[in-house]
Amino acid sequence: MARPKRIRKMTNPPHFKGFRPIGLPEENNPVVLNFEEYEAIRLSDFELYGQVEAAQIMDVSRPTYARIYESARRKVAQAFVQGRTIVFEGGKVYFNSEWYSCNSCGCWFNHPSKELEVKNCALCGSIDIEQYSDDVLQSAIEDICICPKCGEELKHTPGIPCRQEICPKCSNMMVRKGGPYQHRNRNNQCK
């Protein structure tokens, strides 16, 4: 049985839906570029990150990043050579931008469209929401695992996901400090 696919982190979704070749008739068979493949091309070819840094940004292993990037390059080449439309859609991703929390229901949700102001919770509709903001210390805390129950912090061991670490104080599963999973368990800290 195959292991479930890990969710890939993206900064923002593309602000357009795809590309179409000029001078060719409409085609019903577009090349579908998943969001994680778009992000891999953006990080490596536009932002000029190496594969190690890009893999860390997307929160995947370097070999996984290499497979995503290779698949994206093949699809772009196929679209260019065959004159096919490229459509951006799908993939198992979450967006690392404009995160909000609802103080009424505890829901965390993101808002990729920066042009629109968020006024209500996406789940319960409450107006008691606050925006999560990354501070300058975010890069410094990325290498720390934290217990969502008691707050105990441990230095992250490279190669071992924080969720596989166990808290030495309360035997709870650890999460990455500053990551989206830490905030989902915020209500457990108050008990």
Protein backbone atom coordinates (compact mmCIF):
# COMPACT_ATOMS: atom_id res chain seq x y z
CA MET A 1 0.00 0.00 0.00
CA ALA A 2 1.37 3.41 -0.98
CA ARG A 3 2.17 5.99 1.66
CA PRO A 4 -0.15 9.05 1.67
CA LYS A 5 1.21 12.08 -0.16
CA ARG A 6 2.56 14.80 2.13
CA ILE A 7 0.97 18.23 1.72
CA ARG A 8 3.30 20.66 -0.06
CA LYS A 9 3.64 24.28 1.07
CA MET A 10 3.14 27.11 -1.41
CA THR A 11 3.60 30.82 -0.91
CA ASN A 12 0.62 31.82 -3.08
CA PRO A 13 -1.40 30.27 -5.88
CA PRO A 14 -0.72 31.68 -9.35
CA HIS A 15 -2.82 34.78 -10.02
CA PHE A 16 -3.85 33.44 -13.44
CA LYS A 17 -5.26 30.11 -14.63
CA GLY A 18 -2.77 29.15 -17.34
CA PHE A 19 -1.27 29.89 -20.76
CA ARG A 20 -2.50 29.43 -24.30
CA PRO A 21 -0.36 29.31 -27.47
CA ILE A 22 -0.94 32.08 -30.00
CA GLY A 23 -1.95 31.22 -33.57
CA LEU A 24 -3.34 27.73 -32.96
CA PRO A 25 -6.99 26.68 -32.79
CA GLU A 26 -8.60 25.96 -29.42
CA GLU A 27 -7.66 22.58 -28.04
CA ASN A 28 -9.59 20.38 -25.61
CA ASN A 29 -6.51 18.53 -24.31
CA PRO A 30 -4.52 20.95 -22.11
CA VAL A 31 -1.43 20.08 -20.09
CA VAL A 32 -2.36 20.24 -16.41
CA LEU A 33 0.42 21.66 -14.23
CA ASN A 34 -0.29 20.96 -10.54
CA PHE A 35 0.18 23.80 -8.07
CA GLU A 36 3.24 22.13 -6.51
CA GLU A 37 4.82 21.84 -9.99
CA TYR A 38 4.15 25.54 -10.59
CA GLU A 39 5.76 26.33 -7.22
CA ALA A 40 8.82 24.20 -8.06
CA ILE A 41 9.36 26.11 -11.32
CA ARG A 42 8.81 29.42 -9.54
CA LEU A 43 11.34 28.61 -6.82
CA SER A 44 14.06 27.10 -9.03
CA ASP A 45 13.77 29.08 -12.26
CA PHE A 46 12.36 32.44 -11.13
CA GLU A 47 13.61 32.83 -7.54
CA LEU A 48 16.83 30.89 -8.41
CA TYR A 49 16.88 28.71 -5.30
CA GLY A 50 18.87 25.49 -5.33
CA GLN A 51 16.99 22.24 -4.87
CA VAL A 52 17.91 21.92 -1.19
CA GLU A 53 16.61 25.41 -0.30
CA ALA A 54 13.51 25.03 -2.49
CA ALA A 55 12.71 21.67 -0.89
CA GLN A 56 12.93 23.27 2.55
CA ILE A 57 10.63 26.09 1.47
CA MET A 58 8.05 23.60 0.14
CA ASP A 59 8.49 21.42 3.26
CA VAL A 60 9.37 18.27 1.28
CA SER A 61 12.51 16.16 0.95
CA ARG A 62 15.09 17.04 -1.70
CA PRO A 63 14.41 13.86 -3.76
CA THR A 64 10.67 14.60 -3.68
CA TYR A 65 11.35 18.16 -4.81
CA ALA A 66 13.52 16.84 -7.66
CA ARG A 67 10.66 14.58 -8.85
CA ILE A 68 8.15 17.45 -8.69
CA TYR A 69 10.51 19.78 -10.58
CA GLU A 70 11.30 17.19 -13.25
CA SER A 71 7.60 16.49 -13.81
CA ALA A 72 6.93 20.23 -14.15
CA ARG A 73 9.74 20.70 -16.68
CA ARG A 74 8.50 17.76 -18.77
CA LYS A 75 4.96 19.15 -18.84
CA VAL A 76 6.14 22.64 -19.83
CA ALA A 77 8.33 21.15 -22.57
CA GLN A 78 5.42 19.04 -23.80
CA ALA A 79 3.18 22.11 -23.98
CA PHE A 80 5.82 24.14 -25.85
CA VAL A 81 6.70 21.44 -28.38
CA GLN A 82 3.12 20.31 -29.06
CA GLY A 83 1.60 23.80 -28.85
CA ARG A 84 -0.79 22.84 -26.05
CA THR A 85 -2.47 25.02 -23.44
CA ILE A 86 -1.10 24.90 -19.86
CA VAL A 87 -3.67 24.93 -17.05
CA PHE A 88 -2.78 25.35 -13.35
CA GLU A 89 -4.93 23.28 -11.02
CA GLY A 90 -4.94 20.58 -8.39
CA GLY A 91 -2.29 19.07 -6.23
CA LYS A 92 -2.05 18.46 -2.51
CA VAL A 93 -0.93 21.88 -1.27
CA TYR A 94 -1.59 24.49 1.35
CA PHE A 95 -0.86 28.17 0.98
CA ASN A 96 1.53 29.93 3.32
CA SER A 97 0.00 33.36 2.95
CA GLU A 98 -2.60 35.45 4.69
CA TRP A 99 -3.53 33.01 7.48
CA TYR A 100 -6.30 34.00 9.87
CA SER A 101 -7.63 32.52 13.09
CA CYS A 102 -11.14 32.76 14.46
CA ASN A 103 -11.34 33.50 18.17
CA SER A 104 -14.92 32.16 18.29
CA CYS A 105 -14.56 28.67 16.82
CA GLY A 106 -10.75 28.23 16.77
CA CYS A 107 -10.71 27.69 12.99
CA TRP A 108 -7.55 28.52 11.02
CA PHE A 109 -8.04 29.49 7.37
CA ASN A 110 -5.99 31.14 4.66
CA HIS A 111 -6.81 33.91 2.25
CA PRO A 112 -4.68 33.82 -0.91
CA SER A 113 -6.37 36.81 -2.54
CA LYS A 114 -4.68 39.89 -1.12
CA GLU A 115 -6.95 42.27 -3.02
CA LEU A 116 -10.00 41.34 -0.92
CA GLU A 117 -10.29 42.16 2.77
CA VAL A 118 -11.23 39.32 5.11
CA LYS A 119 -14.05 40.32 7.44
CA ASN A 120 -15.57 37.01 8.59
CA CYS A 121 -14.47 33.52 9.62
CA ALA A 122 -14.65 31.09 6.70
CA LEU A 123 -16.27 28.45 8.91
CA CYS A 124 -18.64 30.15 11.38
CA GLY A 125 -18.94 33.67 9.92
CA SER A 126 -17.78 35.41 13.12
CA ILE A 127 -16.12 38.82 12.84
CA ASP A 128 -13.80 38.01 15.80
CA ILE A 129 -10.80 37.04 13.63
CA GLU A 130 -7.14 37.97 13.67
CA GLN A 131 -4.43 37.66 11.05
CA TYR A 132 -1.42 35.47 11.71
CA SER A 133 1.76 37.32 10.83
CA ASP A 134 5.22 35.89 10.26
CA ASP A 135 7.81 37.90 12.10
CA VAL A 136 11.51 38.16 11.41
CA LEU A 137 12.18 35.39 13.89
CA GLN A 138 10.29 32.87 11.74
CA SER A 139 13.45 31.61 10.05
CA ALA A 140 15.11 31.17 13.45
CA ILE A 141 12.25 29.09 14.89
CA GLU A 142 11.82 26.80 11.88
CA ASP A 143 14.34 24.37 13.37
CA ILE A 144 12.45 23.88 16.64
CA CYS A 145 9.87 21.23 17.53
CA ILE A 146 7.25 22.25 20.10
CA CYS A 147 4.70 20.32 22.14
CA PRO A 148 1.23 21.78 21.47
CA LYS A 149 0.04 20.53 24.88
CA CYS A 150 2.69 21.75 27.34
CA GLY A 151 4.83 24.10 25.21
CA GLU A 152 8.11 22.16 25.65
CA GLU A 153 10.60 23.01 22.88
CA LEU A 154 13.31 20.77 21.40
CA LYS A 155 15.89 21.41 18.70
CA HIS A 156 14.70 19.84 15.44
CA THR A 157 16.65 16.75 14.39
CA PRO A 158 17.36 16.95 10.63
CA GLY A 159 15.75 14.09 8.70
CA ILE A 160 13.16 13.31 11.40
CA PRO A 161 9.79 15.09 11.12
CA CYS A 162 8.73 16.88 14.31
CA ARG A 163 5.50 14.83 14.33
CA GLN A 164 7.64 11.72 14.97
CA GLU A 165 9.25 13.30 18.06
CA ILE A 166 7.65 12.68 21.47
CA CYS A 167 7.57 15.34 24.20
CA PRO A 168 9.81 14.28 27.13
CA LYS A 169 7.48 16.00 29.65
CA CYS A 170 3.98 14.86 28.64
CA SER A 171 4.58 12.18 25.94
CA ASN A 172 2.52 14.14 23.41
CA MET A 173 3.37 14.29 19.66
CA MET A 174 5.52 17.34 18.77
CA VAL A 175 4.86 19.76 15.86
CA ARG A 176 7.03 22.25 13.97
CA LYS A 177 7.19 25.60 15.78
CA GLY A 178 5.62 28.34 13.67
CA GLY A 179 4.02 25.84 11.28
CA PRO A 180 0.31 25.66 10.56
CA TYR A 181 -0.10 22.47 12.63
CA GLN A 182 1.06 24.24 15.81
CA HIS A 183 -1.83 26.70 15.59
CA ARG A 184 -4.48 24.04 15.07
CA ASN A 185 -3.73 22.68 18.55
CA ARG A 186 -3.81 26.08 20.25
CA ASN A 187 -7.01 25.26 22.11
CA ASN A 188 -5.33 22.21 23.74
CA GLN A 189 -2.82 24.53 25.45
CA CYS A 190 -5.60 26.37 27.28
CA LYS A 191 -6.91 23.22 29.03
